[in-house]
């Protein structure tokens, strides 16, 4: 990422704040569904799992300060955040890779309820062509470019084996997709201007295992023998950036 995008989004909102906006939106949605008209910063912060000072600072970037003695109007703040994130219009999504994970993603009802429409499913296995998943027929990955163009795809979800992920990413980018959610256990190299979010479930489990080990009575502390730090990946010198595995971290 560039120095600017490490600190703030193109709209001037810090990236750390952007990462918390969906948490606030989820909490506000729950409040709206329970017919709660207003909420205090303390209540909203608790529902989102942050402290109230952080929440007030985050919301100040949206120009939303609440009303003293009343708090925040739930529906209004919910709309503000949805608009800032870009959820006031539907985004078309293609899922590439229909193994167990890809099929689970295709069936995830939370996409549609949050404004993301899975409009196409692609795979390289001929045995899957034409089979139905989540109401859609699986199509050959060879049709990727046609699918992106004809269905106005905005976001590509990669759930392929690691060996196929880079090729899929390259084709998505060449077809005009600038937002990629990567579930493949590999580092993707993408051009400047393309956003990649990395989700690696195995890494998250390993982090949990680390914390479990630290809680063990037999744990004596300290790093494992022979451990070493790994520096972040550098730019490859061709105007491309490397997206590191785990937590969506990116480095230039």
Protein backbone atom coordinates (compact mmCIF):
# COMPACT_ATOMS: atom_id res chain seq x y z
CA UNK A 1 0.00 0.00 0.00
CA UNK A 2 1.08 3.59 -0.38
CA UNK A 3 1.91 5.71 2.65
CA UNK A 4 -1.41 7.49 2.22
CA UNK A 5 -3.55 4.38 2.15
CA UNK A 6 -1.78 2.88 5.12
CA UNK A 7 -2.95 5.85 7.21
CA UNK A 8 -6.19 6.90 5.59
CA UNK A 9 -8.71 6.05 2.92
CA UNK A 10 -9.06 8.09 -0.28
CA UNK A 11 -11.84 10.05 1.48
CA UNK A 12 -9.54 11.05 4.32
CA UNK A 13 -10.91 8.58 6.87
CA UNK A 14 -8.23 6.57 8.73
CA UNK A 15 -8.10 2.94 7.62
CA UNK A 16 -8.46 1.80 11.23
CA UNK A 17 -11.75 3.70 11.37
CA UNK A 18 -12.89 2.21 8.06
CA UNK A 19 -12.25 -1.27 9.49
CA UNK A 20 -14.55 -0.50 12.45
CA UNK A 21 -17.43 1.06 10.50
CA UNK A 22 -18.95 -2.36 9.63
CA UNK A 23 -18.97 -3.18 13.36
CA UNK A 24 -20.96 -0.05 14.09
CA UNK A 25 -23.29 -0.76 11.19
CA UNK A 26 -23.96 -4.27 12.45
CA UNK A 27 -24.71 -2.98 15.95
CA UNK A 28 -26.98 -0.25 14.59
CA UNK A 29 -28.83 -2.75 12.42
CA UNK A 30 -29.54 -4.88 15.49
CA UNK A 31 -30.78 -1.81 17.35
CA UNK A 32 -33.01 -0.80 14.44
CA UNK A 33 -34.48 -4.30 14.26
CA UNK A 34 -35.35 -4.05 17.95
CA UNK A 35 -37.11 -0.71 17.29
CA UNK A 36 -34.59 1.31 19.31
CA UNK A 37 -34.80 4.93 18.09
CA UNK A 38 -31.69 6.37 19.77
CA UNK A 39 -28.61 5.09 21.54
CA UNK A 40 -25.79 6.56 23.59
CA UNK A 41 -22.17 6.32 22.50
CA UNK A 42 -21.54 4.02 25.47
CA UNK A 43 -24.29 1.59 24.44
CA UNK A 44 -23.29 1.60 20.78
CA UNK A 45 -19.61 1.15 21.67
CA UNK A 46 -20.44 -1.80 23.93
CA UNK A 47 -22.53 -3.42 21.20
CA UNK A 48 -19.68 -2.98 18.70
CA UNK A 49 -16.97 -4.17 21.11
CA UNK A 50 -14.97 -0.92 21.29
CA UNK A 51 -14.61 1.86 23.84
CA UNK A 52 -16.85 4.91 23.64
CA UNK A 53 -14.00 7.40 23.13
CA UNK A 54 -12.82 5.48 20.07
CA UNK A 55 -16.36 5.30 18.71
CA UNK A 56 -16.92 9.06 19.12
CA UNK A 57 -13.62 9.79 17.39
CA UNK A 58 -14.45 7.40 14.53
CA UNK A 59 -17.89 8.90 13.99
CA UNK A 60 -16.50 12.42 14.05
CA UNK A 61 -14.80 11.59 10.73
CA UNK A 62 -18.30 11.22 9.28
CA UNK A 63 -19.38 14.53 10.74
CA UNK A 64 -21.69 12.73 13.16
CA UNK A 65 -21.43 13.90 16.77
CA UNK A 66 -24.78 12.86 18.21
CA UNK A 67 -26.96 15.04 20.44
CA UNK A 68 -25.95 15.77 24.02
CA UNK A 69 -28.30 14.03 26.43
CA UNK A 70 -29.96 12.06 23.62
CA UNK A 71 -27.22 10.21 21.79
CA UNK A 72 -27.36 9.08 18.18
CA UNK A 73 -30.41 8.66 15.99
CA UNK A 74 -30.12 4.96 15.09
CA UNK A 75 -31.67 5.06 11.61
CA UNK A 76 -29.86 8.22 10.56
CA UNK A 77 -26.46 7.01 11.74
CA UNK A 78 -27.11 3.63 10.17
CA UNK A 79 -27.74 5.32 6.82
CA UNK A 80 -24.68 7.57 7.19
CA UNK A 81 -22.37 4.64 7.75
CA UNK A 82 -23.95 2.50 5.02
CA UNK A 83 -23.55 5.40 2.60
CA UNK A 84 -19.92 5.97 3.61
CA UNK A 85 -19.06 2.30 3.19
CA UNK A 86 -20.89 2.16 -0.14
CA UNK A 87 -23.76 -0.11 0.80
CA UNK A 88 -26.60 2.08 -0.40
CA UNK A 89 -26.39 0.30 -3.74
CA UNK A 90 -25.97 -3.38 -4.58
CA UNK A 91 -22.55 -4.72 -5.61
CA UNK A 92 -22.35 -7.71 -7.92
CA UNK A 93 -20.00 -10.49 -6.84
CA UNK A 94 -18.49 -13.48 -8.65
CA UNK A 95 -17.18 -16.47 -6.70
CA UNK A 96 -14.35 -18.36 -8.38
CA UNK A 97 -13.68 -21.83 -6.99
CA UNK A 98 -16.62 -24.00 -5.96
CA UNK A 99 -15.04 -26.40 -3.51
CA UNK A 100 -16.53 -26.72 -0.04
CA UNK A 101 -15.52 -23.20 0.95
CA UNK A 102 -16.68 -21.64 -2.31
CA UNK A 103 -20.06 -23.33 -2.03
CA UNK A 104 -20.42 -22.16 1.57
CA UNK A 105 -19.66 -18.60 0.47
CA UNK A 106 -22.15 -18.83 -2.39
CA UNK A 107 -24.83 -19.94 0.06
CA UNK A 108 -24.06 -17.27 2.65
CA UNK A 109 -27.26 -15.28 3.15
CA UNK A 110 -25.38 -12.42 4.78
CA UNK A 111 -24.07 -11.22 1.42
CA UNK A 112 -27.47 -10.25 0.03
CA UNK A 113 -28.71 -8.76 3.30
CA UNK A 114 -25.72 -6.41 3.22
CA UNK A 115 -26.03 -5.34 -0.40
CA UNK A 116 -23.78 -7.89 -2.12
CA UNK A 117 -25.34 -10.02 -4.86
CA UNK A 118 -23.58 -13.20 -5.91
CA UNK A 119 -24.37 -13.19 -9.62
CA UNK A 120 -22.06 -15.91 -10.95
CA UNK A 121 -20.14 -19.00 -9.84
CA UNK A 122 -17.08 -20.22 -11.73
CA UNK A 123 -14.94 -23.33 -11.47
CA UNK A 124 -12.36 -25.23 -13.52
CA UNK A 125 -13.81 -28.70 -12.84
CA UNK A 126 -16.01 -29.85 -15.78
CA UNK A 127 -17.91 -32.13 -13.40
CA UNK A 128 -19.37 -29.05 -11.72
CA UNK A 129 -20.46 -27.23 -14.87
CA UNK A 130 -24.21 -26.73 -14.88
CA UNK A 131 -24.71 -27.95 -11.32
CA UNK A 132 -26.76 -25.67 -9.12
CA UNK A 133 -25.43 -23.87 -6.05
CA UNK A 134 -27.47 -21.22 -4.25
CA UNK A 135 -29.81 -20.99 -7.22
CA UNK A 136 -27.03 -20.39 -9.75
CA UNK A 137 -25.51 -22.77 -12.30
CA UNK A 138 -21.75 -23.23 -12.02
CA UNK A 139 -20.02 -21.95 -15.16
CA UNK A 140 -16.54 -22.68 -16.58
CA UNK A 141 -13.81 -20.37 -15.31
CA UNK A 142 -12.95 -19.87 -18.99
CA UNK A 143 -16.00 -17.59 -19.11
CA UNK A 144 -14.65 -15.25 -16.43
CA UNK A 145 -14.10 -12.24 -18.69
CA UNK A 146 -17.55 -12.61 -20.29
CA UNK A 147 -19.18 -12.92 -16.86
CA UNK A 148 -17.47 -9.80 -15.50
CA UNK A 149 -18.49 -7.74 -18.51
CA UNK A 150 -22.06 -8.98 -18.93
CA UNK A 151 -23.01 -9.01 -15.25
CA UNK A 152 -21.24 -5.82 -14.18
CA UNK A 153 -19.18 -7.61 -11.54
CA UNK A 154 -17.60 -5.27 -8.99
CA UNK A 155 -16.02 -7.75 -6.57
CA UNK A 156 -14.24 -11.04 -7.18
CA UNK A 157 -14.07 -13.70 -4.48
CA UNK A 158 -11.24 -16.20 -4.94
CA UNK A 159 -11.73 -19.56 -3.25
CA UNK A 160 -9.49 -21.63 -5.49
CA UNK A 161 -6.44 -23.73 -4.57
CA UNK A 162 -3.34 -21.60 -4.02
CA UNK A 163 -1.82 -22.70 -7.33
CA UNK A 164 -4.67 -21.16 -9.35
CA UNK A 165 -5.27 -18.00 -7.34
CA UNK A 166 -2.75 -15.67 -9.00
CA UNK A 167 -3.97 -16.49 -12.49
CA UNK A 168 -7.55 -15.87 -11.43
CA UNK A 169 -6.55 -12.57 -9.82
CA UNK A 170 -4.70 -11.49 -12.96
CA UNK A 171 -7.73 -12.27 -15.11
CA UNK A 172 -10.12 -10.48 -12.76
CA UNK A 173 -7.93 -7.38 -12.79
CA UNK A 174 -7.53 -7.47 -16.58
CA UNK A 175 -11.32 -7.75 -16.89
CA UNK A 176 -11.76 -4.60 -14.82
CA UNK A 177 -12.39 -5.92 -11.30
CA UNK A 178 -10.54 -3.72 -8.79
CA UNK A 179 -11.77 -5.31 -5.54
CA UNK A 180 -10.82 -8.88 -4.60
CA UNK A 181 -11.57 -10.98 -1.53
CA UNK A 182 -8.97 -13.73 -1.40
CA UNK A 183 -9.55 -16.97 0.54
CA UNK A 184 -6.74 -18.87 -1.20
CA UNK A 185 -3.75 -19.55 1.06
CA UNK A 186 -1.26 -17.58 -0.98
CA UNK A 187 0.16 -14.11 -1.52
CA UNK A 188 -1.36 -12.22 -4.46
CA UNK A 189 0.50 -9.66 -6.52
CA UNK A 190 -1.78 -6.98 -7.94
CA UNK A 191 -1.34 -3.61 -9.66
CA UNK A 192 -1.55 -0.33 -7.82
CA UNK A 193 -5.18 0.68 -7.39
CA UNK A 194 -6.51 -2.84 -6.89
CA UNK A 195 -7.73 -3.60 -3.37
CA UNK A 196 -7.25 -7.09 -1.95
CA UNK A 197 -8.58 -8.35 1.37
CA UNK A 198 -7.01 -11.58 2.54
CA UNK A 199 -8.90 -14.12 4.65
CA UNK A 200 -6.86 -17.11 5.80
CA UNK A 201 -8.78 -19.29 8.24
CA UNK A 202 -5.76 -21.48 8.98
CA UNK A 203 -3.75 -18.46 10.10
CA UNK A 204 -6.55 -17.35 12.41
CA UNK A 205 -6.63 -20.84 13.92
CA UNK A 206 -2.87 -20.76 14.40
CA UNK A 207 -3.17 -17.45 16.24
CA UNK A 208 -5.80 -18.99 18.50
CA UNK A 209 -3.48 -21.95 19.06
CA UNK A 210 -0.75 -19.53 20.12
CA UNK A 211 -3.01 -17.98 22.74
CA UNK A 212 -4.14 -21.40 23.89
CA UNK A 213 -0.51 -22.40 24.35
CA UNK A 214 0.20 -19.28 26.43
CA UNK A 215 -2.63 -20.22 28.77
CA UNK A 216 -1.21 -23.71 29.26
CA UNK A 217 0.28 -24.37 32.74
CA UNK A 218 3.34 -25.88 31.03
CA UNK A 219 4.08 -22.76 28.97
CA UNK A 220 7.37 -21.21 30.11
CA UNK A 221 7.18 -18.05 27.97
CA UNK A 222 9.37 -16.60 25.29
CA UNK A 223 9.65 -17.25 21.59
CA UNK A 224 10.20 -20.72 20.23
CA UNK A 225 13.81 -21.70 19.76
CA UNK A 226 15.10 -20.75 16.38
CA UNK A 227 12.22 -18.37 15.73
CA UNK A 228 12.82 -15.32 13.61
CA UNK A 229 10.99 -12.32 12.29
CA UNK A 230 10.04 -12.04 8.66
CA UNK A 231 10.13 -8.60 7.13
CA UNK A 232 7.18 -7.42 5.08
CA UNK A 233 7.38 -8.02 1.34
CA UNK A 234 8.87 -5.21 -0.74
CA UNK A 235 7.56 -3.91 -4.01
CA UNK A 236 8.68 -5.97 -6.95
CA UNK A 237 9.96 -2.94 -8.80
CA UNK A 238 7.28 -3.04 -11.49
CA UNK A 239 4.56 -0.85 -10.03
CA UNK A 240 2.88 -3.84 -8.42
CA UNK A 241 2.36 -4.50 -4.73
CA UNK A 242 2.46 -7.70 -2.75
CA UNK A 243 -0.46 -8.53 -0.49
CA UNK A 244 0.82 -10.49 2.47
CA UNK A 245 -0.98 -13.56 3.74
CA UNK A 246 -3.06 -13.07 6.83
CA UNK A 247 -5.29 -10.26 8.13
CA UNK A 248 -5.47 -8.40 4.83
CA UNK A 249 -2.08 -6.84 5.52
CA UNK A 250 -0.47 -5.21 2.53
CA UNK A 251 3.00 -3.83 2.07
CA UNK A 252 4.71 -2.01 -0.68
